[in-house]
Amino acid sequence: MKATIWHNPACGTSRKTLAILEETPGVELTVTEYLSHPPSAAKLAQLYRDAGLTPQQGLRLRGTDAAERGLPGATDATVLAAMQAEPKLIERPLVETGKGVRLCRPQDVVREIL
């Protein structure tokens, strides 16, 4: 099974999710450090749609100025554009497999799509 994780190595939850993926037999893993290689707005929209989330639900509030900028109440297009321009606004980690997409907070959520 192919799996892609949008990963932040400084994040404990992201590291724990990555470990689960690495320890799962049969997983062909692609690791994308999204802070240096952010997904496009279109890819983010697809990931959130497939995860059953709105872009606002995928917005990282802790440690960002997202709330002060009014992003939690902004349009999807505005949130996605802000995330692409400033990937620190993307909550992590996102994982995509053939079985779906999950925002893996907590990390064990990844097991739903393995």
Protein backbone atom coordinates (compact mmCIF):
# COMPACT_ATOMS: atom_id res chain seq x y z
CA MET A 1 0.00 0.00 0.00
CA LYS A 2 1.26 3.47 -0.88
CA ALA A 3 1.11 6.14 1.80
CA THR A 4 2.11 9.79 1.84
CA ILE A 5 2.65 11.76 5.02
CA TRP A 6 2.91 15.55 5.09
CA HIS A 7 5.37 15.64 7.94
CA ASN A 8 6.98 18.12 10.33
CA PRO A 9 9.99 16.47 11.99
CA ALA A 10 9.79 18.98 14.88
CA CYS A 11 6.30 17.73 15.82
CA GLY A 12 6.01 14.79 18.21
CA THR A 13 2.64 13.67 16.85
CA SER A 14 4.00 13.77 13.32
CA ARG A 15 7.06 11.73 14.35
CA LYS A 16 4.85 9.15 16.11
CA THR A 17 2.60 8.88 13.06
CA LEU A 18 5.63 8.43 10.83
CA ALA A 19 6.88 5.66 13.11
CA ILE A 20 3.55 3.82 12.82
CA LEU A 21 3.76 4.05 9.03
CA GLU A 22 7.38 2.87 8.98
CA GLU A 23 6.58 -0.09 11.25
CA THR A 24 3.57 -1.23 9.21
CA PRO A 25 4.47 -4.07 6.83
CA GLY A 26 3.75 -3.45 3.16
CA VAL A 27 3.61 0.35 3.32
CA GLU A 28 5.46 2.16 0.51
CA LEU A 29 6.02 5.50 2.20
CA THR A 30 6.55 8.95 0.76
CA VAL A 31 7.54 11.55 3.35
CA THR A 32 7.00 15.19 2.39
CA GLU A 33 8.27 17.82 4.78
CA TYR A 34 5.46 20.25 4.06
CA LEU A 35 7.15 23.29 5.62
CA SER A 36 9.75 23.27 2.85
CA HIS A 37 7.58 21.60 0.17
CA PRO A 38 4.00 22.76 0.77
CA PRO A 39 1.16 21.11 -1.13
CA SER A 40 -0.70 23.24 -3.64
CA ALA A 41 -4.03 24.79 -2.68
CA ALA A 42 -5.72 22.28 -5.00
CA LYS A 43 -3.98 19.34 -3.30
CA LEU A 44 -4.90 20.68 0.13
CA ALA A 45 -8.53 21.06 -0.96
CA GLN A 46 -8.52 17.43 -2.18
CA LEU A 47 -6.92 16.17 1.04
CA TYR A 48 -9.44 17.93 3.26
CA ARG A 49 -12.36 16.87 1.07
CA ASP A 50 -11.19 13.23 1.19
CA ALA A 51 -10.70 13.46 4.96
CA GLY A 52 -14.21 14.87 5.42
CA LEU A 53 -12.84 18.13 6.78
CA THR A 54 -13.15 21.77 5.86
CA PRO A 55 -9.96 23.75 5.28
CA GLN A 56 -10.81 25.66 8.46
CA GLN A 57 -10.75 22.37 10.41
CA GLY A 58 -7.28 21.70 9.01
CA LEU A 59 -5.99 25.10 10.11
CA ARG A 60 -3.28 25.16 12.75
CA LEU A 61 -4.21 27.71 15.40
CA ARG A 62 -1.61 26.93 18.06
CA GLY A 63 1.60 28.84 17.51
CA THR A 64 0.25 30.81 14.55
CA ASP A 65 -1.56 34.09 13.95
CA ALA A 66 -4.45 32.37 12.14
CA ALA A 67 -7.09 33.48 14.65
CA GLU A 68 -5.87 37.08 14.68
CA ARG A 69 -6.04 37.11 10.89
CA GLY A 70 -9.63 35.87 10.95
CA LEU A 71 -8.79 32.67 9.08
CA PRO A 72 -11.10 30.37 11.09
CA GLY A 73 -14.06 32.29 9.66
CA ALA A 74 -12.60 32.94 6.21
CA THR A 75 -13.65 31.32 2.95
CA ASP A 76 -12.15 28.01 1.90
CA ALA A 77 -10.19 29.70 -0.88
CA THR A 78 -8.73 32.26 1.52
CA VAL A 79 -7.69 29.60 4.03
CA LEU A 80 -6.15 27.37 1.36
CA ALA A 81 -4.23 30.28 -0.16
CA ALA A 82 -2.92 31.25 3.29
CA MET A 83 -1.85 27.66 3.97
CA GLN A 84 -0.01 27.42 0.67
CA ALA A 85 1.73 30.75 1.26
CA GLU A 86 2.52 29.95 4.91
CA PRO A 87 2.60 26.18 5.41
CA LYS A 88 3.00 26.58 9.19
CA LEU A 89 -0.78 27.17 9.08
CA ILE A 90 -1.36 23.52 8.06
CA GLU A 91 -2.22 21.27 10.99
CA ARG A 92 -0.17 18.11 10.91
CA PRO A 93 0.30 15.38 10.07
CA LEU A 94 -1.88 14.64 7.07
CA VAL A 95 -1.65 11.09 5.73
CA GLU A 96 -3.08 9.81 2.43
CA THR A 97 -3.41 6.16 1.41
CA GLY A 98 -5.60 4.29 -1.04
CA LYS A 99 -8.11 3.93 1.80
CA GLY A 100 -8.47 7.66 2.47
CA VAL A 101 -6.97 10.69 4.16
CA ARG A 102 -6.70 11.49 7.85
CA LEU A 103 -5.46 14.38 9.92
CA CYS A 104 -3.63 12.16 12.40
CA ARG A 105 -4.24 13.88 15.71
CA PRO A 106 -3.87 11.70 17.70
CA GLN A 107 -1.39 9.57 15.77
CA ASP A 108 -3.37 6.33 16.10
CA VAL A 109 -6.00 7.74 13.71
CA VAL A 110 -3.63 6.71 10.91
CA ARG A 111 -4.55 3.06 11.54
CA GLU A 112 -8.03 3.76 10.09
CA ILE A 113 -6.53 4.06 6.63
CA LEU A 114 -3.91 1.30 6.74
